[in-house]
Structures are given as C-alpha cells and as structure tokens.
C-alpha cells in the first residue's frame, strides 16, 4: 500500500468502511488495513470518522506516535470548565460546562460587598504582589447554612471575570476533578501563562472526605507546590466546623474566611422587589407595596432559597399568601428531618 495516500481518500474509496444506517454515536468495524499506521482503534463512531476526515493538524501522542486533530487554538473561550483526566491515555482535558444561571443581583449586603471588593482589588494588584515576591493568588472560604446564596456570589464573580477580564472558571465538585485539576492547570499555564482563573471548590468539606489523599491535594493547591499566579480559589462549605485547623489556621491557605449570614430585612426587600419587577409585576401599586411589606416581615430567618420558593409559590404556583407562608414555616421548623408516620405502630410482614 502507498503510505503517501491521503487518509480521506483512503476512507472514501473503501465502500465497506461504514454502514449508512448507523447513527453518529454507533460503532462500526474499521476495515482499513491496520498495518498502515493511520488508524489507532478497531472501532470508530461516525462522529470520530468525521473528525478523522477533517483532520488538519498532527498531535503528538508519544515520543514517536502521532494522531490527527481537526483544529488547534491558542486560547480557549472564556467560560466554565470541568477539569478531566483520561487515565487510559494519560491525558488532561477541559470539558466546557453549559451552566444556566438565574438573574443575579448585586445585593445591598456587607459580606457580599466585601467579597466582591476583595476580588476586584486583587485583580488590580498584580504588580504589588510581584514587588513583594509573592505568588499572585487569592484564596477565599465562604461558609453558611445550606441554601443561603454562596453560589450566587460565586456566579457574580465569575460573570465579572468572563465579561471584564476574559477569564476562565474551573469547577471542582469531586475528588476525581480535584486530581485532574493539577494536571490541567499545569498544561493550561504552559499555553496561557497570564490568563485570569477562578477555581471553584464547592462543598469543600465533602471533597475532603471523599478520599484520603484529598487533603494533601487541596493543601497543595492552596499553599503548596501546585500554586499558580493569577488564580483566585473560592471554596464553600455548609459545615465549617468539620474542617481541620490545617485549612483554617494559616492565612496563606485561606486569606479570607467569611460567614455569609441569612439575609436581613433590607436585603430581603431588595430581593423581593427586584425579582417581582423583573417578572413583569408592577411593584409601585399600594396593594403590591403592602404585600411586599408582609413578605419581608413573615420571611424573617429565611435563607435565599426559602425566599425564592416563597415567591414561586405565590406568584407562579398561585398559592394563597397565607398558605405559602405556612407551608414554608413548617418546612423550616423540620430542618430537613422527615419521618414516615403512616402505619408507624403496625407490624409489616406476612402471616
């Protein structure tokens, strides 16, 4: 066989290469001579077939092995990514996440403003960090009760990073992603050494407990050999008391540790008014003003998750106001603890 034959031509000449009835993701046997060195697997999908046909670049797989890629880029799009690791092929890669975000609000909240201003000041202080000889990085730990809006703060920071700085966000939700992170950011920094990055580690305490090596990996990211410049790491937890002092007793590991408390009356009012206004409801009428006053009063002690549900019950699901409030107050009193009560005292079994 002529080894100079173009791969595309070779595929097109082989009528038995694929079955037209197969879908994009279905596998079919490779009928190209496996000794020609051009195809790496015995089975391909139609999608992979198309990728091979459109290949325009070589990619190095090993010291003397090369594959084919359709395109190469010098910069990945500004967005959210999940770090991944292909252990079989020993490859790191980033998977773009399609995240649907609700409308985000800059709330009149002291903690909210503190975090936003802290990060804003950090992005503008690169030269000062370098002058002190420090790694240009910032680590923040946010803790609160569940459902209180920590993710909303992070999403606003991410939105600003994308729109203002063309940065990227790396999301870590498991130990597997934590492991892959170190592999990915090393390669990312080789290609884009100055790209601004936010690393999000949600449910920090949960990841620590997933694997015995998680603590070591996290400490390396925060204050160890795996530190990289131009990175803000934001970790969140609902159970800060479960974290070891090794994470919280050194400022170099978490520069800022902040509790995000439940919204006060001013913040709840701001949230209710803006949420209703954005939904097309006229909040300037006397009737609506009076209703908002009642909602602010009855939602004392509610997290943002409960405030959101309160509006949905009344204005979307069309519950009566009193019924919606009673429903949520009872749910709040249960604190997530539900038990089966039906047939509780009856024996279950067969005679």
Protein backbone atom coordinates (compact mmCIF):
# COMPACT_ATOMS: atom_id res chain seq x y z
CA UNK A 1 0.00 0.00 0.00
CA UNK A 2 1.20 3.50 -0.84
CA UNK A 3 1.84 5.11 2.55
CA UNK A 4 1.51 8.56 0.97
CA UNK A 5 -2.17 8.05 0.17
CA UNK A 6 -4.29 10.72 1.82
CA UNK A 7 -6.33 9.26 4.69
CA UNK A 8 -9.51 10.97 3.49
CA UNK A 9 -9.17 9.43 0.04
CA UNK A 10 -8.45 6.04 1.58
CA UNK A 11 -11.64 6.15 3.61
CA UNK A 12 -13.77 7.38 0.71
CA UNK A 13 -12.53 4.56 -1.56
CA UNK A 14 -13.47 1.85 0.92
CA UNK A 15 -17.20 1.17 0.43
CA UNK A 16 -17.28 -1.26 3.35
CA UNK A 17 -15.94 1.29 5.82
CA UNK A 18 -19.28 2.14 7.34
CA UNK A 19 -22.96 1.39 7.18
CA UNK A 20 -25.13 4.39 6.26
CA UNK A 21 -27.86 3.19 8.62
CA UNK A 22 -25.71 3.71 11.70
CA UNK A 23 -26.15 6.80 13.87
CA UNK A 24 -23.47 9.31 14.79
CA UNK A 25 -22.62 7.55 18.05
CA UNK A 26 -22.93 3.92 16.93
CA UNK A 27 -19.78 1.88 16.47
CA UNK A 28 -18.75 0.10 13.29
CA UNK A 29 -15.73 -2.05 12.46
CA UNK A 30 -12.67 -0.45 10.97
CA UNK A 31 -11.86 -2.12 7.63
CA UNK A 32 -8.74 -0.10 6.82
CA UNK A 33 -5.56 -2.16 6.88
CA UNK A 34 -4.41 -1.94 10.50
CA UNK A 35 -0.78 -2.19 9.36
CA UNK A 36 -0.82 1.18 7.64
CA UNK A 37 -0.33 3.00 10.95
CA UNK A 38 -3.05 5.55 10.25
CA UNK A 39 -5.88 4.30 12.45
CA UNK A 40 -5.46 3.67 16.16
CA UNK A 41 -8.56 1.64 17.05
CA UNK A 42 -10.57 -1.24 15.65
CA UNK A 43 -13.88 0.51 16.10
CA UNK A 44 -14.89 4.06 15.33
CA UNK A 45 -18.07 6.07 15.62
CA UNK A 46 -19.42 8.07 12.73
CA UNK A 47 -18.54 11.23 14.70
CA UNK A 48 -14.94 10.06 15.09
CA UNK A 49 -14.87 9.16 11.40
CA UNK A 50 -15.84 12.74 10.53
CA UNK A 51 -13.12 14.06 12.83
CA UNK A 52 -10.50 11.92 11.09
CA UNK A 53 -11.64 13.05 7.66
CA UNK A 54 -11.44 16.72 8.65
CA UNK A 55 -8.09 16.47 10.46
CA UNK A 56 -5.79 19.37 9.64
CA UNK A 57 -3.08 19.03 12.29
CA UNK A 58 -0.90 16.38 13.89
CA UNK A 59 -0.84 15.87 17.64
CA UNK A 60 1.99 14.11 19.46
CA UNK A 61 0.73 11.11 21.45
CA UNK A 62 4.09 9.65 22.46
CA UNK A 63 7.76 10.06 21.66
CA UNK A 64 7.26 8.52 18.22
CA UNK A 65 3.46 8.35 17.89
CA UNK A 66 1.23 10.93 16.25
CA UNK A 67 -2.51 11.37 15.86
CA UNK A 68 -4.75 13.76 13.98
CA UNK A 69 -6.80 16.73 15.19
CA UNK A 70 -9.24 18.97 13.35
CA UNK A 71 -8.11 22.25 14.84
CA UNK A 72 -5.83 23.84 17.38
CA UNK A 73 -6.47 27.02 19.37
CA UNK A 74 -4.17 29.38 21.20
CA UNK A 75 -6.88 30.35 23.69
CA UNK A 76 -9.98 28.57 24.95
CA UNK A 77 -13.27 30.53 25.17
CA UNK A 78 -13.99 32.37 28.41
CA UNK A 79 -16.42 30.11 30.26
CA UNK A 80 -16.90 27.45 32.98
CA UNK A 81 -14.87 24.22 32.67
CA UNK A 82 -14.63 20.90 34.45
CA UNK A 83 -11.07 19.53 34.73
CA UNK A 84 -10.87 15.93 33.49
CA UNK A 85 -8.19 13.26 33.31
CA UNK A 86 -8.06 10.34 30.87
CA UNK A 87 -6.01 7.82 32.84
CA UNK A 88 -6.00 5.30 29.96
CA UNK A 89 -4.33 7.71 27.54
CA UNK A 90 -2.62 9.76 30.25
CA UNK A 91 -4.22 12.97 29.02
CA UNK A 92 -5.64 16.05 30.71
CA UNK A 93 -8.54 17.89 29.12
CA UNK A 94 -11.14 20.54 29.99
CA UNK A 95 -14.84 19.96 29.45
CA UNK A 96 -16.89 23.12 28.88
CA UNK A 97 -19.93 23.34 31.13
CA UNK A 98 -23.23 24.74 29.90
CA UNK A 99 -24.49 26.48 33.02
CA UNK A 100 -27.92 28.10 33.06
CA UNK A 101 -27.86 30.90 35.59
CA UNK A 102 -30.83 32.73 37.10
CA UNK A 103 -30.89 36.52 37.18
CA UNK A 104 -28.12 37.66 39.54
CA UNK A 105 -28.38 40.69 41.80
CA UNK A 106 -25.77 42.89 43.46
CA UNK A 107 -27.36 42.75 46.88
CA UNK A 108 -27.01 45.54 49.49
CA UNK A 109 -25.22 43.16 51.84
CA UNK A 110 -21.98 43.90 53.71
CA UNK A 111 -20.48 40.43 53.26
CA UNK A 112 -21.49 40.37 49.61
CA UNK A 113 -19.81 43.73 49.01
CA UNK A 114 -16.71 42.67 51.00
CA UNK A 115 -16.14 39.60 48.84
CA UNK A 116 -16.78 41.44 45.59
CA UNK A 117 -14.46 44.31 46.55
CA UNK A 118 -11.77 41.92 47.78
CA UNK A 119 -11.60 40.11 44.45
CA UNK A 120 -11.83 43.34 42.45
CA UNK A 121 -8.89 44.78 44.39
CA UNK A 122 -6.93 41.56 43.90
CA UNK A 123 -7.29 41.65 40.10
CA UNK A 124 -5.91 45.20 40.14
CA UNK A 125 -2.91 44.48 42.40
CA UNK A 126 -0.71 42.19 40.32
CA UNK A 127 2.32 44.47 40.28
CA UNK A 128 2.22 44.89 44.07
CA UNK A 129 2.18 41.11 44.56
CA UNK A 130 5.17 40.75 42.27
CA UNK A 131 7.01 43.55 44.07
CA UNK A 132 6.73 41.59 47.32
CA UNK A 133 7.84 38.39 45.60
CA UNK A 134 4.59 36.63 46.42
CA UNK A 135 2.59 34.20 44.32
CA UNK A 136 -0.20 36.24 42.74
CA UNK A 137 -3.10 34.19 44.12
CA UNK A 138 -6.02 34.64 46.49
CA UNK A 139 -7.94 32.02 48.48
CA UNK A 140 -11.37 32.65 49.98
CA UNK A 141 -13.56 30.37 52.11
CA UNK A 142 -17.30 31.13 52.28
CA UNK A 143 -19.44 29.31 54.82
CA UNK A 144 -23.11 29.49 55.75
CA UNK A 145 -26.19 27.40 56.31
CA UNK A 146 -27.33 25.50 53.20
CA UNK A 147 -29.25 27.41 50.53
CA UNK A 148 -28.11 30.88 51.53
CA UNK A 149 -26.67 32.22 48.28
CA UNK A 150 -22.98 31.33 48.34
CA UNK A 151 -23.24 30.08 44.79
CA UNK A 152 -24.86 33.37 43.72
CA UNK A 153 -21.83 35.32 44.94
CA UNK A 154 -19.53 32.97 43.05
CA UNK A 155 -21.59 33.28 39.88
CA UNK A 156 -21.43 37.07 40.02
CA UNK A 157 -17.65 36.94 40.45
CA UNK A 158 -17.44 34.51 37.54
CA UNK A 159 -19.66 36.74 35.40
CA UNK A 160 -17.37 39.71 36.02
CA UNK A 161 -14.27 37.62 35.29
CA UNK A 162 -15.71 36.48 31.95
CA UNK A 163 -17.09 39.83 30.82
CA UNK A 164 -14.36 42.14 32.10
CA UNK A 165 -11.18 40.05 32.04
CA UNK A 166 -11.86 37.24 29.54
CA UNK A 167 -11.00 34.76 32.27
CA UNK A 168 -11.99 31.14 32.78
CA UNK A 169 -13.59 29.28 35.68
CA UNK A 170 -12.51 25.81 36.72
CA UNK A 171 -15.13 23.92 38.75
CA UNK A 172 -14.19 21.16 41.20
CA UNK A 173 -17.05 19.09 42.64
CA UNK A 174 -15.35 15.74 43.31
CA UNK A 175 -12.03 14.14 44.15
CA UNK A 176 -11.68 12.97 40.54
CA UNK A 177 -11.92 16.58 39.36
CA UNK A 178 -9.54 17.67 42.13
CA UNK A 179 -6.98 15.15 40.88
CA UNK A 180 -7.49 16.28 37.29
CA UNK A 181 -7.16 19.94 38.26
CA UNK A 182 -3.43 19.75 38.98
CA UNK A 183 -2.85 18.05 35.62
CA UNK A 184 -4.94 20.57 33.72
CA UNK A 185 -3.75 23.81 35.26
CA UNK A 186 -0.12 22.83 34.70
CA UNK A 187 -0.75 22.47 30.98
CA UNK A 188 -3.06 25.47 30.87
CA UNK A 189 -0.36 27.67 32.34
CA UNK A 190 2.14 26.42 29.76
CA UNK A 191 -0.16 27.66 27.00
CA UNK A 192 -1.72 30.72 28.66
CA UNK A 193 0.59 31.82 31.50
CA UNK A 194 -1.28 35.05 32.26
CA UNK A 195 -4.94 34.04 31.87
CA UNK A 196 -7.04 35.02 34.89
CA UNK A 197 -8.65 31.99 36.54
CA UNK A 198 -11.22 31.42 39.27
CA UNK A 199 -11.14 27.94 40.77
CA UNK A 200 -14.38 26.98 42.50
CA UNK A 201 -14.38 24.21 45.10
CA UNK A 202 -17.97 23.77 46.27
CA UNK A 203 -18.80 21.60 49.30
CA UNK A 204 -15.16 21.74 50.33
CA UNK A 205 -15.72 19.54 53.39
CA UNK A 206 -17.41 16.86 51.29
CA UNK A 207 -14.48 16.62 48.87
CA UNK A 208 -12.04 16.34 51.78
CA UNK A 209 -13.96 13.28 52.99
CA UNK A 210 -14.17 11.57 49.59
CA UNK A 211 -10.60 10.30 49.53
CA UNK A 212 -7.71 10.01 51.97
CA UNK A 213 -5.48 11.93 49.57
CA UNK A 214 -7.90 14.83 49.11
CA UNK A 215 -6.47 16.86 51.98
CA UNK A 216 -2.98 16.69 50.50
CA UNK A 217 -4.20 17.72 47.04
CA UNK A 218 -6.17 20.66 48.44
CA UNK A 219 -3.29 21.91 50.57
CA UNK A 220 -1.02 21.76 47.52
CA UNK A 221 -3.45 23.95 45.61
CA UNK A 222 -3.94 26.45 48.43
CA UNK A 223 -0.40 26.78 49.76
CA UNK A 224 1.88 24.15 48.26
CA UNK A 225 3.85 23.25 45.16
CA UNK A 226 0.79 23.45 42.90
CA UNK A 227 0.26 27.19 43.35
CA UNK A 228 -0.11 29.25 40.19
CA UNK A 229 -0.28 33.01 39.66
CA UNK A 230 -3.37 34.88 38.50
CA UNK A 231 -5.68 32.45 40.29
CA UNK A 232 -8.48 33.06 42.78
CA UNK A 233 -9.67 29.96 44.61
CA UNK A 234 -13.11 30.16 46.21
CA UNK A 235 -14.19 27.29 48.44
CA UNK A 236 -17.62 26.91 50.03
CA UNK A 237 -18.89 24.79 52.87
CA UNK A 238 -22.05 24.38 54.92
CA UNK A 239 -20.11 22.72 57.74
CA UNK A 240 -17.08 24.85 58.51
CA UNK A 241 -16.77 23.27 61.96
CA UNK A 242 -15.84 19.98 60.28
CA UNK A 243 -12.74 21.41 58.59
CA UNK A 244 -9.37 20.65 60.11
CA UNK A 245 -7.31 23.55 61.52
CA UNK A 246 -4.72 22.73 58.84
CA UNK A 247 -7.05 24.51 56.41
CA UNK A 248 -8.19 27.40 58.58
CA UNK A 249 -5.36 28.39 60.92
CA UNK A 250 -2.96 29.79 58.30
CA UNK A 251 -3.81 32.99 56.34
CA UNK A 252 -1.70 31.82 53.41
CA UNK A 253 -4.13 28.94 52.88
CA UNK A 254 -7.31 30.96 53.15
CA UNK A 255 -6.61 34.67 53.03
CA UNK A 256 -10.23 35.42 53.88
CA UNK A 257 -12.75 33.28 55.76
CA UNK A 258 -16.24 34.76 55.77
CA UNK A 259 -19.61 33.67 57.11
CA UNK A 260 -22.47 34.56 54.78
CA UNK A 261 -25.43 35.04 57.11
CA UNK A 262 -29.13 34.87 56.29
CA UNK A 263 -30.45 37.98 54.55
CA UNK A 264 -31.74 40.76 56.78
CA UNK A 265 -34.94 42.70 56.11
CA UNK A 266 -33.24 45.25 53.83
CA UNK A 267 -31.71 42.54 51.66
CA UNK A 268 -34.93 40.51 51.52
CA UNK A 269 -36.89 43.58 50.46
CA UNK A 270 -34.35 44.35 47.73
CA UNK A 271 -34.54 40.75 46.52
CA UNK A 272 -38.36 40.60 46.54
CA UNK A 273 -38.78 43.95 44.78
CA UNK A 274 -36.26 43.26 42.04
CA UNK A 275 -37.38 39.68 41.48
CA UNK A 276 -41.01 40.74 41.13
CA UNK A 277 -40.17 43.74 38.94
CA UNK A 278 -38.08 41.57 36.61
CA UNK A 279 -41.03 39.18 36.38
CA UNK A 280 -43.19 41.93 34.93
CA UNK A 281 -45.12 42.74 38.11
CA UNK A 282 -45.87 46.37 38.93
CA UNK A 283 -44.47 46.88 42.43
CA UNK A 284 -45.49 50.54 42.67
CA UNK A 285 -49.16 49.93 43.49
CA UNK A 286 -50.33 50.32 47.08
CA UNK A 287 -51.57 46.74 47.10
CA UNK A 288 -48.22 45.32 45.97
CA UNK A 289 -46.26 47.54 48.37
CA UNK A 290 -48.38 46.23 51.24
CA UNK A 291 -47.85 42.63 50.11
CA UNK A 292 -44.07 43.10 49.89
CA UNK A 293 -44.14 44.54 53.43
CA UNK A 294 -45.91 41.39 54.63
CA UNK A 295 -43.50 39.09 52.80
CA UNK A 296 -40.48 40.86 54.29
CA UNK A 297 -41.95 40.53 57.77
CA UNK A 298 -43.01 36.89 57.54
CA UNK A 299 -39.71 35.76 55.93
CA UNK A 300 -37.58 36.67 58.95
CA UNK A 301 -34.94 33.91 59.33
CA UNK A 302 -35.42 32.62 55.78
CA UNK A 303 -32.44 31.74 53.61
CA UNK A 304 -32.39 32.94 49.99
CA UNK A 305 -33.59 29.51 48.92
CA UNK A 306 -36.70 29.90 51.07
CA UNK A 307 -37.24 33.47 49.83
CA UNK A 308 -37.11 32.29 46.23
CA UNK A 309 -39.55 29.46 46.97
CA UNK A 310 -41.92 31.87 48.70
CA UNK A 311 -42.23 33.99 45.55
CA UNK A 312 -42.64 30.94 43.33
CA UNK A 313 -45.43 29.50 45.48
CA UNK A 314 -47.41 32.76 45.46
CA UNK A 315 -46.77 34.21 42.00
CA UNK A 316 -46.10 31.10 39.91
CA UNK A 317 -47.95 28.23 41.60
CA UNK A 318 -50.72 30.63 42.73
CA UNK A 319 -50.85 29.53 46.35
CA UNK A 320 -52.68 31.85 48.71
CA UNK A 321 -50.18 34.02 50.56
CA UNK A 322 -51.09 32.58 53.98
CA UNK A 323 -50.89 29.02 52.68
CA UNK A 324 -47.46 29.57 51.11
CA UNK A 325 -46.07 31.13 54.28
CA UNK A 326 -47.46 28.36 56.49
CA UNK A 327 -46.02 25.70 54.19
CA UNK A 328 -42.50 27.17 54.33
CA UNK A 329 -42.58 27.92 58.06
CA UNK A 330 -43.42 24.27 58.75
CA UNK A 331 -40.67 23.09 56.38
CA UNK A 332 -38.19 25.39 58.11
CA UNK A 333 -39.16 24.04 61.55
CA UNK A 334 -38.48 20.48 60.39
CA UNK A 335 -34.90 21.47 59.49
CA UNK A 336 -34.85 18.82 56.75
CA UNK A 337 -35.80 15.98 59.11
CA UNK A 338 -38.79 13.98 57.87
CA UNK A 339 -40.07 10.63 59.11
CA UNK A 340 -42.72 8.18 57.92
CA UNK A 341 -45.77 8.36 60.22
CA UNK A 342 -48.31 6.20 58.40
CA UNK A 343 -48.69 2.68 59.92
CA UNK A 344 -45.90 3.55 62.29
CA UNK A 345 -47.16 1.21 65.03
CA UNK A 346 -48.29 -1.60 62.77
CA UNK A 347 -46.27 -4.72 62.08
CA UNK A 348 -45.23 -5.05 58.45
CA UNK A 349 -44.93 -8.59 57.09
CA UNK A 350 -46.82 -11.69 56.00
CA UNK A 351 -48.83 -14.06 58.16
